[in-house]
Amino acid sequence: MGVGLAERVGEFLRDAGLRGPYLIVTGSTVKSLFMESVLKGIEGRIDVLETSKGDVSEVEEVESAVKSRNVMTVLGVGGGRSIDVAKYVSHRTKIDFVSVPTAPSHDGVTSPFASLKGLGKVVSVKAKEPSIIIADLRILSQAPRRLINAGIGDTVGKLIAVRDWRLAAKLRGEYYGDYTASLALMSAKHALGCANVIERDKLEGVRSLVEALISSGVAMGLAGSTRPASGSEHLFAHAVDMVYPNRALHGELVALGTIMMSYLHGINWKKLRKTLNSAGIPTTAKEVGIPDDVIIKSLTIAHTIRTERYTILGDRGLTWEAAERLASETGVIS
C-alpha cells in the first residue's frame, strides 16, 4: 500500500515470481483512466478483458480466455465486479490472482470469496486469495466520495455480522472464532474512525479505510466463510437488491441494514446513525432512492436469502407490521 504503486505493477509481479501470460480483468472506466499506468513495466504477453455485470456469463468469458491463451496470472483491476470475476476464475483454473483495487468500496479486495450474479440467488462462492494486493492510495483517494462512503458502510456492517455469528454459536452450536471475530470488529471500528479523518485528510482517511477492508477480508479467510463479515445487515442488503435491483450501492444498503439490526441487537443505533450521517453516509431509504415499501418487504424476506445462516432475524423473519415499525422507529423510512 502506498502512493504511485500502479506504475510499479510489473516490478511487483517480478518480485513475487508471478509469471505471464497475464490477463487483466477490468471495467471500461478504469481501463480508460488507469490502464496505461498499470501496463507500464509489465513484461510479456498481456490481454485485457472488460467486465460490466459481474455475472456468470462474464466468468465464462474470462475463463475461456484464460484457457485459450494459457494465462498464468489474472489481475483484477477495478471495483468489486472486476475483482470478484478475476478471483473466481483464478480459483476455478488454479492460477495466480493479483488484486489491484481502484475504489475502496468493498471488502472483496482480499477475501477468498466472490459475490456473483446469475447463480439463481445471492451467494458468496469460494474464490482465490490474492498472491499480492497492490493498493495505490493516489488512485483510491480519487474515487468518488459515494464509493468511499460505501466502503465505510460495508465495513461497519461487521458490528452486526459478529453479533449474529455469536448468536448462531449460542443457539445452533455453530463454530465461532474469538480472534477472527475480534479482527472483524476492529475493522468496523477502524472504518467508523476514519470517516472523520477523511474530512481532514482524504489520503490518510482512505489509507485507514483500505486497511480496514483488507483486515475484514483476512478475517473471512481465517474463518473459512463470510460469517465474520456478513450477517443480517447483508441479508437485508441482498434482499433489497433482489426486490429493487441496481438502485443503490451495496455498502449503502449495508449501512441502512446495520442501523436497523443494531436496534434489534440492542446496540446504540442512534449514536451509530449520527456517526454515519455526519460522515455523509445515507441513513434513510429516501437518500438512496429506495421506496419505503421496498425496505419493508426486504426486511420480511431477508431471512430467506441464506436459510443456513442463522441471524437475529431468526427462522421466521419479521412480519410486515414488525418490519414497518423497525424501519420507522430507526428513521430509515419516514
C-alpha atoms as a PDB file:
ATOM      1  CA  MET A   1       0.000   0.000   0.000  1.00  0.00           C
ATOM      2  CA  GLY A   2       1.342   3.423  -0.949  1.00  0.00           C
ATOM      3  CA  VAL A   3       1.317   6.229  -3.488  1.00  0.00           C
ATOM      4  CA  GLY A   4       2.256   5.658  -7.132  1.00  0.00           C
ATOM      5  CA  LEU A   5       2.138   1.864  -6.972  1.00  0.00           C
ATOM      6  CA  ALA A   6       0.068   1.393 -10.138  1.00  0.00           C
ATOM      7  CA  GLU A   7       3.093   2.193 -12.279  1.00  0.00           C
ATOM      8  CA  ARG A   8       5.111  -0.464 -10.443  1.00  0.00           C
ATOM      9  CA  VAL A   9       2.780  -3.426 -11.038  1.00  0.00           C
ATOM     10  CA  GLY A  10       5.316  -5.073 -13.341  1.00  0.00           C
ATOM     11  CA  GLU A  11       8.008  -4.777 -10.656  1.00  0.00           C
ATOM     12  CA  PHE A  12       5.754  -6.369  -8.024  1.00  0.00           C
ATOM     13  CA  LEU A  13       4.829  -9.219 -10.362  1.00  0.00           C
ATOM     14  CA  ARG A  14       8.510  -9.992 -10.974  1.00  0.00           C
ATOM     15  CA  ASP A  15       9.398  -9.771  -7.275  1.00  0.00           C
ATOM     16  CA  ALA A  16       6.594 -12.189  -6.408  1.00  0.00           C
ATOM     17  CA  GLY A  17       7.616 -14.585  -9.179  1.00  0.00           C
ATOM     18  CA  LEU A  18       4.226 -14.335 -10.874  1.00  0.00           C
ATOM     19  CA  ARG A  19       4.613 -15.339 -14.488  1.00  0.00           C
ATOM     20  CA  GLY A  20       2.827 -14.437 -17.702  1.00  0.00           C
ATOM     21  CA  PRO A  21       0.983 -14.603 -19.945  1.00  0.00           C
ATOM     22  CA  TYR A  22      -1.171 -12.175 -17.968  1.00  0.00           C
ATOM     23  CA  LEU A  23      -4.862 -11.342 -18.219  1.00  0.00           C
ATOM     24  CA  ILE A  24      -6.253  -8.127 -16.778  1.00  0.00           C
ATOM     25  CA  VAL A  25      -9.956  -8.061 -15.864  1.00  0.00           C
ATOM     26  CA  THR A  26     -11.251  -4.510 -15.532  1.00  0.00           C
ATOM     27  CA  GLY A  27     -14.128  -2.135 -16.226  1.00  0.00           C
ATOM     28  CA  SER A  28     -14.376   0.373 -19.063  1.00  0.00           C
ATOM     29  CA  THR A  29     -13.945   3.449 -16.850  1.00  0.00           C
ATOM     30  CA  VAL A  30     -10.936   2.067 -15.014  1.00  0.00           C
ATOM     31  CA  LYS A  31      -9.439   0.948 -18.306  1.00  0.00           C
ATOM     32  CA  SER A  32      -9.622   4.444 -19.762  1.00  0.00           C
ATOM     33  CA  LEU A  33      -8.318   6.152 -16.618  1.00  0.00           C
ATOM     34  CA  PHE A  34      -5.604   3.913 -15.235  1.00  0.00           C
ATOM     35  CA  MET A  35      -4.694   1.112 -17.632  1.00  0.00           C
ATOM     36  CA  GLU A  36      -1.762   2.963 -19.187  1.00  0.00           C
ATOM     37  CA  SER A  37      -0.157   3.242 -15.754  1.00  0.00           C
ATOM     38  CA  VAL A  38      -0.855  -0.384 -14.843  1.00  0.00           C
ATOM     39  CA  LEU A  39       0.534  -1.761 -18.101  1.00  0.00           C
ATOM     40  CA  LYS A  40       3.753   0.191 -17.719  1.00  0.00           C
ATOM     41  CA  GLY A  41       6.616  -2.130 -16.867  1.00  0.00           C
ATOM     42  CA  ILE A  42       4.749  -5.438 -17.228  1.00  0.00           C
ATOM     43  CA  GLU A  43       6.823  -7.761 -19.361  1.00  0.00           C
ATOM     44  CA  GLY A  44       5.427 -10.480 -21.578  1.00  0.00           C
ATOM     45  CA  ARG A  45       2.038 -11.047 -23.113  1.00  0.00           C
ATOM     46  CA  ILE A  46      -0.845  -9.092 -21.594  1.00  0.00           C
ATOM     47  CA  ASP A  47      -4.507  -9.258 -22.579  1.00  0.00           C
ATOM     48  CA  VAL A  48      -7.262  -7.022 -21.213  1.00  0.00           C
ATOM     49  CA  LEU A  49     -10.922  -8.014 -20.834  1.00  0.00           C
ATOM     50  CA  GLU A  50     -13.660  -5.636 -19.737  1.00  0.00           C
ATOM     51  CA  THR A  51     -16.411  -6.545 -17.270  1.00  0.00           C
ATOM     52  CA  SER A  52     -19.617  -4.679 -16.560  1.00  0.00           C
ATOM     53  CA  LYS A  53     -22.073  -7.090 -14.950  1.00  0.00           C
ATOM     54  CA  GLY A  54     -20.041  -9.341 -12.663  1.00  0.00           C
ATOM     55  CA  ASP A  55     -22.178 -12.346 -13.545  1.00  0.00           C
ATOM     56  CA  VAL A  56     -21.787 -15.956 -14.661  1.00  0.00           C
ATOM     57  CA  SER A  57     -21.624 -15.060 -18.365  1.00  0.00           C
ATOM     58  CA  GLU A  58     -18.563 -12.882 -17.752  1.00  0.00           C
ATOM     59  CA  VAL A  59     -16.981 -15.606 -15.638  1.00  0.00           C
ATOM     60  CA  GLU A  60     -17.349 -17.997 -18.570  1.00  0.00           C
ATOM     61  CA  GLU A  61     -15.873 -15.450 -20.983  1.00  0.00           C
ATOM     62  CA  VAL A  62     -12.849 -14.787 -18.780  1.00  0.00           C
ATOM     63  CA  GLU A  63     -12.327 -18.476 -18.057  1.00  0.00           C
ATOM     64  CA  SER A  64     -12.394 -19.242 -21.762  1.00  0.00           C
ATOM     65  CA  ALA A  65      -9.777 -16.554 -22.382  1.00  0.00           C
ATOM     66  CA  VAL A  66      -7.566 -17.920 -19.608  1.00  0.00           C
ATOM     67  CA  LYS A  67      -7.611 -21.416 -21.091  1.00  0.00           C
ATOM     68  CA  SER A  68      -7.230 -20.423 -24.754  1.00  0.00           C
ATOM     69  CA  ARG A  69      -4.330 -18.047 -24.065  1.00  0.00           C
ATOM     70  CA  ASN A  70      -2.560 -20.215 -21.474  1.00  0.00           C
ATOM     71  CA  VAL A  71      -2.771 -17.405 -18.916  1.00  0.00           C
ATOM     72  CA  MET A  72      -0.716 -17.936 -15.757  1.00  0.00           C
ATOM     73  CA  THR A  73      -1.746 -14.853 -13.738  1.00  0.00           C
ATOM     74  CA  VAL A  74      -5.032 -12.925 -13.628  1.00  0.00           C
ATOM     75  CA  LEU A  75      -5.141  -9.353 -12.370  1.00  0.00           C
ATOM     76  CA  GLY A  76      -8.415  -7.862 -11.145  1.00  0.00           C
ATOM     77  CA  VAL A  77      -8.077  -4.118 -11.666  1.00  0.00           C
ATOM     78  CA  GLY A  78     -11.056  -2.034 -10.575  1.00  0.00           C
ATOM     79  CA  GLY A  79     -14.039  -2.340  -8.285  1.00  0.00           C
ATOM     80  CA  GLY A  80     -15.929  -5.257  -6.824  1.00  0.00           C
ATOM     81  CA  ARG A  81     -17.208  -6.777 -10.060  1.00  0.00           C
ATOM     82  CA  SER A  82     -13.850  -6.965 -11.798  1.00  0.00           C
ATOM     83  CA  ILE A  83     -12.072  -8.295  -8.737  1.00  0.00           C
ATOM     84  CA  ASP A  84     -14.791 -10.866  -7.992  1.00  0.00           C
ATOM     85  CA  VAL A  85     -14.755 -12.239 -11.545  1.00  0.00           C
ATOM     86  CA  ALA A  86     -10.954 -12.330 -11.622  1.00  0.00           C
ATOM     87  CA  LYS A  87     -10.511 -14.153  -8.330  1.00  0.00           C
ATOM     88  CA  TYR A  88     -13.305 -16.628  -9.021  1.00  0.00           C
ATOM     89  CA  VAL A  89     -11.839 -17.558 -12.394  1.00  0.00           C
ATOM     90  CA  SER A  90      -8.392 -17.845 -10.783  1.00  0.00           C
ATOM     91  CA  HIS A  91      -9.869 -20.289  -8.284  1.00  0.00           C
ATOM     92  CA  ARG A  92     -11.570 -22.364 -10.969  1.00  0.00           C
ATOM     93  CA  THR A  93      -8.499 -22.517 -13.189  1.00  0.00           C
ATOM     94  CA  LYS A  94      -5.981 -22.817 -10.325  1.00  0.00           C
ATOM     95  CA  ILE A  95      -3.775 -19.925 -11.394  1.00  0.00           C
ATOM     96  CA  ASP A  96      -2.418 -16.883  -9.548  1.00  0.00           C
ATOM     97  CA  PHE A  97      -4.564 -13.863  -8.786  1.00  0.00           C
ATOM     98  CA  VAL A  98      -3.461 -10.273  -8.144  1.00  0.00           C
ATOM     99  CA  SER A  99      -5.819  -7.704  -6.612  1.00  0.00           C
ATOM    100  CA  VAL A 100      -5.474  -4.095  -7.793  1.00  0.00           C
ATOM    101  CA  PRO A 101      -8.404  -2.143  -6.305  1.00  0.00           C
ATOM    102  CA  THR A 102      -9.214   1.313  -7.676  1.00  0.00           C
ATOM    103  CA  ALA A 103     -12.056   2.186  -5.279  1.00  0.00           C
ATOM    104  CA  PRO A 104     -12.297   1.418  -1.530  1.00  0.00           C
ATOM    105  CA  SER A 105     -15.957   0.464  -1.834  1.00  0.00           C
ATOM    106  CA  HIS A 106     -15.909  -3.186  -0.729  1.00  0.00           C
ATOM    107  CA  ASP A 107     -14.042  -5.763   1.372  1.00  0.00           C
ATOM    108  CA  GLY A 108     -13.538  -8.164  -1.524  1.00  0.00           C
ATOM    109  CA  VAL A 109     -10.050  -6.720  -2.009  1.00  0.00           C
ATOM    110  CA  THR A 110      -8.506  -9.668  -0.193  1.00  0.00           C
ATOM    111  CA  SER A 111     -11.296 -12.064   0.832  1.00  0.00           C
ATOM    112  CA  PRO A 112     -11.305 -15.603  -0.607  1.00  0.00           C
ATOM    113  CA  PHE A 113     -14.971 -15.270  -1.591  1.00  0.00           C
ATOM    114  CA  ALA A 114     -16.779 -13.676  -4.516  1.00  0.00           C
ATOM    115  CA  SER A 115     -20.346 -12.432  -4.952  1.00  0.00           C
ATOM    116  CA  LEU A 116     -21.646 -13.244  -8.422  1.00  0.00           C
ATOM    117  CA  LYS A 117     -24.944 -12.644 -10.156  1.00  0.00           C
ATOM    118  CA  GLY A 118     -26.749 -15.196 -12.278  1.00  0.00           C
ATOM    119  CA  LEU A 119     -26.498 -18.153  -9.893  1.00  0.00           C
ATOM    120  CA  GLY A 120     -30.201 -18.102  -9.056  1.00  0.00           C
ATOM    121  CA  LYS A 121     -29.781 -16.488  -5.658  1.00  0.00           C
ATOM    122  CA  VAL A 122     -27.365 -14.253  -3.827  1.00  0.00           C
ATOM    123  CA  VAL A 123     -24.432 -16.351  -2.665  1.00  0.00           C
ATOM    124  CA  SER A 124     -20.786 -15.969  -1.859  1.00  0.00           C
ATOM    125  CA  VAL A 125     -18.714 -18.572  -3.630  1.00  0.00           C
ATOM    126  CA  LYS A 126     -15.220 -19.797  -2.861  1.00  0.00           C
ATOM    127  CA  ALA A 127     -12.589 -17.838  -4.763  1.00  0.00           C
ATOM    128  CA  LYS A 128      -8.839 -17.305  -4.838  1.00  0.00           C
ATOM    129  CA  GLU A 129      -6.987 -15.279  -2.246  1.00  0.00           C
ATOM    130  CA  PRO A 130      -4.659 -12.755  -3.895  1.00  0.00           C
ATOM    131  CA  SER A 131      -0.976 -13.549  -4.142  1.00  0.00           C
ATOM    132  CA  ILE A 132      -0.376  -9.812  -3.774  1.00  0.00           C
ATOM    133  CA  ILE A 133      -2.543  -6.734  -3.248  1.00  0.00           C
ATOM    134  CA  ILE A 134      -1.437  -3.523  -4.935  1.00  0.00           C
ATOM    135  CA  ALA A 135      -3.313  -0.629  -3.332  1.00  0.00           C
ATOM    136  CA  ASP A 136      -2.327   2.683  -4.886  1.00  0.00           C
ATOM    137  CA  LEU A 137      -3.621   5.329  -2.482  1.00  0.00           C
ATOM    138  CA  ARG A 138      -3.369   8.062  -5.082  1.00  0.00           C
ATOM    139  CA  ILE A 139      -5.868   6.210  -7.267  1.00  0.00           C
ATOM    140  CA  LEU A 140      -8.042   5.011  -4.391  1.00  0.00           C
ATOM    141  CA  SER A 141      -8.356   8.500  -2.916  1.00  0.00           C
ATOM    142  CA  GLN A 142      -9.542   9.799  -6.306  1.00  0.00           C
ATOM    143  CA  ALA A 143     -12.588   7.528  -6.175  1.00  0.00           C
ATOM    144  CA  PRO A 144     -15.959   9.314  -5.924  1.00  0.00           C
ATOM    145  CA  ARG A 145     -16.891  10.059  -2.328  1.00  0.00           C
ATOM    146  CA  ARG A 146     -20.002   7.927  -2.709  1.00  0.00           C
ATOM    147  CA  LEU A 147     -17.829   4.853  -3.338  1.00  0.00           C
ATOM    148  CA  ILE A 148     -15.623   5.671  -0.367  1.00  0.00           C
ATOM    149  CA  ASN A 149     -18.710   6.029   1.829  1.00  0.00           C
ATOM    150  CA  ALA A 150     -19.984   2.684   0.531  1.00  0.00           C
ATOM    151  CA  GLY A 151     -16.746   1.094   1.702  1.00  0.00           C
ATOM    152  CA  ILE A 152     -17.276   2.539   5.160  1.00  0.00           C
ATOM    153  CA  GLY A 153     -20.872   1.298   5.182  1.00  0.00           C
ATOM    154  CA  ASP A 154     -19.864  -2.209   4.126  1.00  0.00           C
ATOM    155  CA  THR A 155     -17.187  -2.418   6.808  1.00  0.00           C
ATOM    156  CA  VAL A 156     -19.337  -1.004   9.612  1.00  0.00           C
ATOM    157  CA  GLY A 157     -21.715  -3.907   8.992  1.00  0.00           C
ATOM    158  CA  LYS A 158     -19.231  -6.206  10.764  1.00  0.00           C
ATOM    159  CA  LEU A 159     -20.613  -4.829  14.044  1.00  0.00           C
ATOM    160  CA  ILE A 160     -23.769  -6.829  13.293  1.00  0.00           C
ATOM    161  CA  ALA A 161     -22.199  -9.786  11.497  1.00  0.00           C
ATOM    162  CA  VAL A 162     -20.094 -10.719  14.518  1.00  0.00           C
ATOM    163  CA  ARG A 163     -23.073 -10.494  16.871  1.00  0.00           C
ATOM    164  CA  ASP A 164     -25.160 -12.656  14.549  1.00  0.00           C
ATOM    165  CA  TRP A 165     -22.298 -15.153  14.383  1.00  0.00           C
ATOM    166  CA  ARG A 166     -22.061 -15.274  18.179  1.00  0.00           C
ATOM    167  CA  LEU A 167     -25.835 -15.738  18.393  1.00  0.00           C
ATOM    168  CA  ALA A 168     -25.688 -18.669  15.972  1.00  0.00           C
ATOM    169  CA  ALA A 169     -22.932 -20.224  18.068  1.00  0.00           C
ATOM    170  CA  LYS A 170     -25.051 -19.988  21.213  1.00  0.00           C
ATOM    171  CA  LEU A 171     -28.319 -21.174  19.707  1.00  0.00           C
ATOM    172  CA  ARG A 172     -27.139 -23.540  16.972  1.00  0.00           C
ATOM    173  CA  GLY A 173     -23.736 -24.677  18.154  1.00  0.00           C
ATOM    174  CA  GLU A 174     -22.051 -23.100  15.149  1.00  0.00           C
ATOM    175  CA  TYR A 175     -18.286 -22.624  15.193  1.00  0.00           C
ATOM    176  CA  TYR A 176     -17.294 -19.178  16.459  1.00  0.00           C
ATOM    177  CA  GLY A 177     -13.757 -17.839  16.385  1.00  0.00           C
ATOM    178  CA  ASP A 178     -12.938 -15.220  19.007  1.00  0.00           C
ATOM    179  CA  TYR A 179      -9.790 -13.963  17.311  1.00  0.00           C
ATOM    180  CA  THR A 180     -11.432 -13.812  13.896  1.00  0.00           C
ATOM    181  CA  ALA A 181     -14.467 -12.012  15.314  1.00  0.00           C
ATOM    182  CA  SER A 182     -12.198  -9.514  17.080  1.00  0.00           C
ATOM    183  CA  LEU A 183     -10.394  -8.797  13.813  1.00  0.00           C
ATOM    184  CA  ALA A 184     -13.700  -8.127  12.048  1.00  0.00           C
ATOM    185  CA  LEU A 185     -14.892  -5.860  14.877  1.00  0.00           C
ATOM    186  CA  MET A 186     -11.626  -3.959  14.770  1.00  0.00           C
ATOM    187  CA  SER A 187     -12.165  -3.405  11.046  1.00  0.00           C
ATOM    188  CA  ALA A 188     -15.625  -1.962  11.699  1.00  0.00           C
ATOM    189  CA  LYS A 189     -14.412   0.370  14.431  1.00  0.00           C
ATOM    190  CA  HIS A 190     -11.447   1.411  12.276  1.00  0.00           C
ATOM    191  CA  ALA A 191     -13.824   2.289   9.432  1.00  0.00           C
ATOM    192  CA  LEU A 192     -16.011   4.354  11.729  1.00  0.00           C
ATOM    193  CA  GLY A 193     -12.987   6.228  12.976  1.00  0.00           C
ATOM    194  CA  CYS A 194     -11.643   7.002   9.520  1.00  0.00           C
ATOM    195  CA  ALA A 195     -14.942   8.609   8.482  1.00  0.00           C
ATOM    196  CA  ASN A 196     -13.959  11.846  10.191  1.00  0.00           C
ATOM    197  CA  VAL A 197     -10.310  11.599   9.167  1.00  0.00           C
ATOM    198  CA  ILE A 198     -11.332  11.672   5.503  1.00  0.00           C
ATOM    199  CA  GLU A 199     -12.831  15.121   6.017  1.00  0.00           C
ATOM    200  CA  ARG A 200      -9.454  16.485   7.156  1.00  0.00           C
ATOM    201  CA  ASP A 201      -7.051  14.356   5.124  1.00  0.00           C
ATOM    202  CA  LYS A 202      -8.564  12.284   2.351  1.00  0.00           C
ATOM    203  CA  LEU A 203      -5.409  10.299   1.603  1.00  0.00           C
ATOM    204  CA  GLU A 204      -4.880   9.239   5.209  1.00  0.00           C
ATOM    205  CA  GLY A 205      -8.583   8.535   5.682  1.00  0.00           C
ATOM    206  CA  VAL A 206      -8.623   6.281   2.641  1.00  0.00           C
ATOM    207  CA  ARG A 207      -5.465   4.559   3.879  1.00  0.00           C
ATOM    208  CA  SER A 208      -7.246   3.699   7.126  1.00  0.00           C
ATOM    209  CA  LEU A 209     -10.318   2.519   5.260  1.00  0.00           C
ATOM    210  CA  VAL A 210      -8.311   0.252   2.949  1.00  0.00           C
ATOM    211  CA  GLU A 211      -6.549  -1.243   5.979  1.00  0.00           C
ATOM    212  CA  ALA A 212      -9.967  -1.985   7.474  1.00  0.00           C
ATOM    213  CA  LEU A 213     -11.216  -3.547   4.232  1.00  0.00           C
ATOM    214  CA  ILE A 214      -8.135  -5.743   3.972  1.00  0.00           C
ATOM    215  CA  SER A 215      -8.343  -6.930   7.590  1.00  0.00           C
ATOM    216  CA  SER A 216     -12.022  -7.757   7.072  1.00  0.00           C
ATOM    217  CA  GLY A 217     -11.054  -9.948   4.143  1.00  0.00           C
ATOM    218  CA  VAL A 218      -8.356 -11.614   6.232  1.00  0.00           C
ATOM    219  CA  ALA A 219     -10.975 -12.364   8.902  1.00  0.00           C
ATOM    220  CA  MET A 220     -13.077 -14.189   6.321  1.00  0.00           C
ATOM    221  CA  GLY A 221     -10.051 -16.166   5.195  1.00  0.00           C
ATOM    222  CA  LEU A 222      -9.307 -17.226   8.768  1.00  0.00           C
ATOM    223  CA  ALA A 223     -12.916 -18.215   9.414  1.00  0.00           C
ATOM    224  CA  GLY A 224     -13.200 -20.116   6.153  1.00  0.00           C
ATOM    225  CA  SER A 225     -16.503 -18.365   5.497  1.00  0.00           C
ATOM    226  CA  THR A 226     -18.030 -14.890   5.240  1.00  0.00           C
ATOM    227  CA  ARG A 227     -19.521 -15.245   8.733  1.00  0.00           C
ATOM    228  CA  PRO A 228     -17.415 -12.551  10.458  1.00  0.00           C
ATOM    229  CA  ALA A 229     -18.240 -10.030   7.738  1.00  0.00           C
ATOM    230  CA  SER A 230     -21.788 -10.801   6.661  1.00  0.00           C
ATOM    231  CA  GLY A 231     -24.877 -11.143   8.830  1.00  0.00           C
ATOM    232  CA  SER A 232     -28.457  -9.922   8.895  1.00  0.00           C
ATOM    233  CA  GLU A 233     -27.381  -6.483   7.654  1.00  0.00           C
ATOM    234  CA  HIS A 234     -26.036  -8.113   4.476  1.00  0.00           C
ATOM    235  CA  LEU A 235     -29.112 -10.325   4.103  1.00  0.00           C
ATOM    236  CA  PHE A 236     -31.208  -7.160   4.131  1.00  0.00           C
ATOM    237  CA  ALA A 237     -28.932  -5.506   1.548  1.00  0.00           C
ATOM    238  CA  HIS A 238     -29.143  -8.533  -0.740  1.00  0.00           C
ATOM    239  CA  ALA A 239     -32.923  -8.655  -0.332  1.00  0.00           C
ATOM    240  CA  VAL A 240     -33.263  -5.021  -1.414  1.00  0.00           C
ATOM    241  CA  ASP A 241     -31.102  -5.688  -4.451  1.00  0.00           C
ATOM    242  CA  MET A 242     -33.401  -8.570  -5.392  1.00  0.00           C
ATOM    243  CA  VAL A 243     -36.619  -6.602  -4.924  1.00  0.00           C
ATOM    244  CA  TYR A 244     -35.334  -3.316  -6.350  1.00  0.00           C
ATOM    245  CA  PRO A 245     -32.099  -4.083  -8.225  1.00  0.00           C
ATOM    246  CA  ASN A 246     -29.278  -1.727  -9.173  1.00  0.00           C
ATOM    247  CA  ARG A 247     -30.651   1.363  -7.409  1.00  0.00           C
ATOM    248  CA  ALA A 248     -28.213   1.729  -4.511  1.00  0.00           C
ATOM    249  CA  LEU A 249     -24.643   0.698  -3.780  1.00  0.00           C
ATOM    250  CA  HIS A 250     -24.145  -2.444  -1.719  1.00  0.00           C
ATOM    251  CA  GLY A 251     -22.324  -0.578   1.055  1.00  0.00           C
ATOM    252  CA  GLU A 252     -25.112   1.997   1.275  1.00  0.00           C
ATOM    253  CA  LEU A 253     -27.688  -0.743   1.819  1.00  0.00           C
ATOM    254  CA  VAL A 254     -25.467  -2.472   4.370  1.00  0.00           C
ATOM    255  CA  ALA A 255     -25.268   0.813   6.304  1.00  0.00           C
ATOM    256  CA  LEU A 256     -29.077   1.030   6.429  1.00  0.00           C
ATOM    257  CA  GLY A 257     -29.259  -2.607   7.465  1.00  0.00           C
ATOM    258  CA  THR A 258     -26.678  -2.046  10.182  1.00  0.00           C
ATOM    259  CA  ILE A 259     -28.742   0.740  11.744  1.00  0.00           C
ATOM    260  CA  MET A 260     -31.884  -1.404  11.848  1.00  0.00           C
ATOM    261  CA  MET A 261     -30.167  -4.598  13.020  1.00  0.00           C
ATOM    262  CA  SER A 262     -28.414  -2.567  15.735  1.00  0.00           C
ATOM    263  CA  TYR A 263     -31.885  -1.753  17.063  1.00  0.00           C
ATOM    264  CA  LEU A 264     -32.759  -5.474  17.174  1.00  0.00           C
ATOM    265  CA  HIS A 265     -29.455  -6.360  18.860  1.00  0.00           C
ATOM    266  CA  GLY A 266     -29.854  -3.625  21.464  1.00  0.00           C
ATOM    267  CA  ILE A 267     -26.840  -1.633  20.248  1.00  0.00           C
ATOM    268  CA  ASN A 268     -26.816   2.162  20.455  1.00  0.00           C
ATOM    269  CA  TRP A 269     -28.250   2.619  16.967  1.00  0.00           C
ATOM    270  CA  LYS A 270     -28.870   6.334  17.477  1.00  0.00           C
ATOM    271  CA  LYS A 271     -25.177   7.004  18.028  1.00  0.00           C
ATOM    272  CA  LEU A 272     -24.290   4.837  15.040  1.00  0.00           C
ATOM    273  CA  ARG A 273     -26.785   6.623  12.810  1.00  0.00           C
ATOM    274  CA  LYS A 274     -25.443  10.002  13.921  1.00  0.00           C
ATOM    275  CA  THR A 275     -21.857   8.963  13.165  1.00  0.00           C
ATOM    276  CA  LEU A 276     -22.765   7.666   9.709  1.00  0.00           C
ATOM    277  CA  ASN A 277     -24.872  10.707   8.947  1.00  0.00           C
ATOM    278  CA  SER A 278     -22.110  13.132   9.952  1.00  0.00           C
ATOM    279  CA  ALA A 279     -19.767  11.358   7.527  1.00  0.00           C
ATOM    280  CA  GLY A 280     -22.244  11.837   4.682  1.00  0.00           C
ATOM    281  CA  ILE A 281     -23.288   8.191   4.540  1.00  0.00           C
ATOM    282  CA  PRO A 282     -27.006   7.694   3.732  1.00  0.00           C
ATOM    283  CA  THR A 283     -29.122   6.766   6.754  1.00  0.00           C
ATOM    284  CA  THR A 284     -32.554   6.867   5.101  1.00  0.00           C
ATOM    285  CA  ALA A 285     -34.158   4.992   2.236  1.00  0.00           C
ATOM    286  CA  LYS A 286     -35.035   8.280   0.552  1.00  0.00           C
ATOM    287  CA  GLU A 287     -31.366   9.269   0.316  1.00  0.00           C
ATOM    288  CA  VAL A 288     -30.591   6.199  -1.808  1.00  0.00           C
ATOM    289  CA  GLY A 289     -33.815   6.311  -3.832  1.00  0.00           C
ATOM    290  CA  ILE A 290     -35.475   3.235  -2.332  1.00  0.00           C
ATOM    291  CA  PRO A 291     -39.279   3.352  -1.709  1.00  0.00           C
ATOM    292  CA  ASP A 292     -40.449   2.671   1.839  1.00  0.00           C
ATOM    293  CA  ASP A 293     -42.431  -0.409   0.828  1.00  0.00           C
ATOM    294  CA  VAL A 294     -39.297  -1.964  -0.706  1.00  0.00           C
ATOM    295  CA  ILE A 295     -37.476  -1.543   2.608  1.00  0.00           C
ATOM    296  CA  ILE A 296     -40.334  -3.197   4.478  1.00  0.00           C
ATOM    297  CA  LYS A 297     -40.689  -6.082   2.047  1.00  0.00           C
ATOM    298  CA  SER A 298     -36.932  -6.665   2.056  1.00  0.00           C
ATOM    299  CA  LEU A 299     -36.942  -6.898   5.832  1.00  0.00           C
ATOM    300  CA  THR A 300     -39.685  -9.545   5.696  1.00  0.00           C
ATOM    301  CA  ILE A 301     -37.794 -11.766   3.234  1.00  0.00           C
ATOM    302  CA  ALA A 302     -34.190 -11.174   4.344  1.00  0.00           C
ATOM    303  CA  HIS A 303     -34.155 -14.338   6.482  1.00  0.00           C
ATOM    304  CA  THR A 304     -34.869 -16.440   3.365  1.00  0.00           C
ATOM    305  CA  ILE A 305     -31.789 -15.281   1.438  1.00  0.00           C
ATOM    306  CA  ARG A 306     -29.490 -17.760   3.164  1.00  0.00           C
ATOM    307  CA  THR A 307     -31.558 -20.151   5.233  1.00  0.00           C
ATOM    308  CA  GLU A 308     -28.464 -21.931   6.541  1.00  0.00           C
ATOM    309  CA  ARG A 309     -27.186 -18.710   8.126  1.00  0.00           C
ATOM    310  CA  TYR A 310     -28.873 -18.025  11.453  1.00  0.00           C
ATOM    311  CA  THR A 311     -29.110 -14.351  12.451  1.00  0.00           C
ATOM    312  CA  ILE A 312     -31.103 -12.061  14.736  1.00  0.00           C
ATOM    313  CA  LEU A 313     -33.940 -12.356  12.179  1.00  0.00           C
ATOM    314  CA  GLY A 314     -34.485 -15.980  13.215  1.00  0.00           C
ATOM    315  CA  ASP A 315     -36.073 -18.695  11.098  1.00  0.00           C
ATOM    316  CA  ARG A 316     -39.406 -16.940  10.565  1.00  0.00           C
ATOM    317  CA  GLY A 317     -38.214 -13.406   9.935  1.00  0.00           C
ATOM    318  CA  LEU A 318     -40.237 -10.273  10.561  1.00  0.00           C
ATOM    319  CA  THR A 319     -43.914  -9.695   9.891  1.00  0.00           C
ATOM    320  CA  TRP A 320     -44.851  -6.739   7.707  1.00  0.00           C
ATOM    321  CA  GLU A 321     -46.022  -4.824  10.771  1.00  0.00           C
ATOM    322  CA  ALA A 322     -42.828  -5.528  12.723  1.00  0.00           C
ATOM    323  CA  ALA A 323     -40.671  -4.605   9.732  1.00  0.00           C
ATOM    324  CA  GLU A 324     -42.532  -1.344   9.196  1.00  0.00           C
ATOM    325  CA  ARG A 325     -42.192  -0.476  12.866  1.00  0.00           C
ATOM    326  CA  LEU A 326     -38.457  -1.258  12.854  1.00  0.00           C
ATOM    327  CA  ALA A 327     -37.733   0.823   9.762  1.00  0.00           C
ATOM    328  CA  SER A 328     -39.878   3.699  11.013  1.00  0.00           C
ATOM    329  CA  GLU A 329     -38.511   3.697  14.557  1.00  0.00           C
ATOM    330  CA  THR A 330     -34.913   3.876  13.301  1.00  0.00           C
ATOM    331  CA  GLY A 331     -35.750   6.617  10.800  1.00  0.00           C
ATOM    332  CA  VAL A 332     -34.822   4.547   7.760  1.00  0.00           C
ATOM    333  CA  ILE A 333     -38.305   5.212   6.392  1.00  0.00           C
ATOM    334  CA  SER A 334     -40.424   8.271   7.094  1.00  0.00           C
END
